[in-house]
Amino acid sequence: MSADNASAGGGAELPDRDEILSLLEDGIREAHRKVQEGRVYDAENEKVRIKWIRALAYAANVHRQLQNDRDLEELSERLEALEEDPDAP
């Protein structure tokens, strides 16, 4: 974990991108399970299901954005390496 991931308070470190992606994947699986297996007996339960669907959609979107950020960083690093050594494969 890099130094810029350290929290300002108490020296606690924030999770890095891979840890966040893993947490999001766990949350996505749980939200998906709740959406599929949740029982609807009344309107209140349906409201809860809708909230789980929203949580699932939000987590999936954040996961996608983090994956895209990682892909862009990797491409940028590859481009820099090619620019430094144009004879490299």
Protein backbone atom coordinates (compact mmCIF):
# COMPACT_ATOMS: atom_id res chain seq x y z
CA MET A 1 0.00 0.00 0.00
CA SER A 2 1.40 3.40 -0.94
CA ALA A 3 2.03 6.28 1.43
CA ASP A 4 -0.65 8.37 -0.27
CA ASN A 5 -3.19 5.74 0.79
CA ALA A 6 -2.55 6.51 4.47
CA SER A 7 -5.39 8.18 6.31
CA ALA A 8 -4.85 11.59 7.88
CA GLY A 9 -6.09 10.40 11.26
CA GLY A 10 -4.37 7.84 13.46
CA GLY A 11 -2.08 6.46 10.76
CA ALA A 12 -4.66 3.87 9.68
CA GLU A 13 -4.21 2.84 6.08
CA LEU A 14 -7.01 2.84 3.55
CA PRO A 15 -7.50 -0.26 1.42
CA ASP A 16 -5.77 -0.23 -1.95
CA ARG A 17 -7.61 -0.60 -5.24
CA ASP A 18 -7.42 -4.40 -5.30
CA GLU A 19 -8.79 -4.61 -1.75
CA ILE A 20 -11.61 -2.23 -2.65
CA LEU A 21 -12.41 -4.28 -5.76
CA SER A 22 -12.54 -7.41 -3.61
CA LEU A 23 -14.86 -5.73 -1.11
CA LEU A 24 -17.10 -4.51 -3.93
CA GLU A 25 -17.22 -8.00 -5.42
CA ASP A 26 -18.31 -9.39 -2.02
CA GLY A 27 -20.97 -6.68 -1.76
CA ILE A 28 -22.17 -7.32 -5.30
CA ARG A 29 -22.52 -11.04 -4.58
CA GLU A 30 -24.43 -10.35 -1.34
CA ALA A 31 -26.73 -7.78 -2.96
CA HIS A 32 -27.38 -10.17 -5.84
CA ARG A 33 -28.22 -12.96 -3.37
CA LYS A 34 -30.63 -10.66 -1.51
CA VAL A 35 -32.32 -9.65 -4.77
CA GLN A 36 -32.70 -13.27 -5.92
CA GLU A 37 -33.58 -14.96 -2.64
CA GLY A 38 -35.40 -12.23 -0.77
CA ARG A 39 -39.02 -13.00 0.02
CA VAL A 40 -41.64 -10.37 -0.69
CA TYR A 41 -44.60 -10.57 1.67
CA ASP A 42 -45.58 -6.93 1.73
CA ALA A 43 -44.82 -3.49 0.34
CA GLU A 44 -42.15 -2.82 2.98
CA ASN A 45 -40.18 -5.90 1.93
CA GLU A 46 -40.44 -4.77 -1.68
CA LYS A 47 -38.95 -1.40 -0.70
CA VAL A 48 -36.02 -3.24 0.90
CA ARG A 49 -35.55 -5.33 -2.26
CA ILE A 50 -35.48 -2.17 -4.36
CA LYS A 51 -32.81 -0.73 -2.06
CA TRP A 52 -30.72 -3.88 -2.52
CA ILE A 53 -31.10 -3.58 -6.29
CA ARG A 54 -29.91 0.04 -6.12
CA ALA A 55 -26.98 -0.98 -3.91
CA LEU A 56 -26.08 -3.72 -6.39
CA ALA A 57 -26.21 -1.33 -9.34
CA TYR A 58 -24.13 1.28 -7.50
CA ALA A 59 -21.49 -1.23 -6.39
CA ALA A 60 -21.28 -2.71 -9.89
CA ASN A 61 -20.78 0.77 -11.37
CA VAL A 62 -18.04 1.68 -8.88
CA HIS A 63 -16.35 -1.68 -9.55
CA ARG A 64 -16.44 -0.98 -13.30
CA GLN A 65 -14.97 2.49 -12.81
CA LEU A 66 -12.12 1.14 -10.67
CA GLN A 67 -11.38 -1.57 -13.23
CA ASN A 68 -11.29 1.07 -15.98
CA ASP A 69 -8.95 3.23 -13.90
CA ARG A 70 -6.61 0.28 -13.38
CA ASP A 71 -6.68 -0.56 -17.10
CA LEU A 72 -5.87 3.05 -18.01
CA GLU A 73 -2.97 3.13 -15.54
CA GLU A 74 -1.57 -0.10 -16.99
CA LEU A 75 -1.85 1.24 -20.53
CA SER A 76 -0.17 4.47 -19.49
CA GLU A 77 2.71 2.53 -17.90
CA ARG A 78 3.11 0.41 -21.05
CA LEU A 79 3.10 3.52 -23.23
CA GLU A 80 5.74 5.20 -21.06
CA ALA A 81 7.92 2.09 -21.25
CA LEU A 82 7.59 2.02 -25.04
CA GLU A 83 8.43 5.71 -25.29
CA GLU A 84 11.54 5.20 -23.14
CA ASP A 85 12.74 2.19 -25.16
CA PRO A 86 11.21 2.10 -28.65
CA ASP A 87 13.18 -1.09 -29.48
CA ALA A 88 11.51 -3.07 -26.68
CA PRO A 89 8.94 -5.69 -27.72
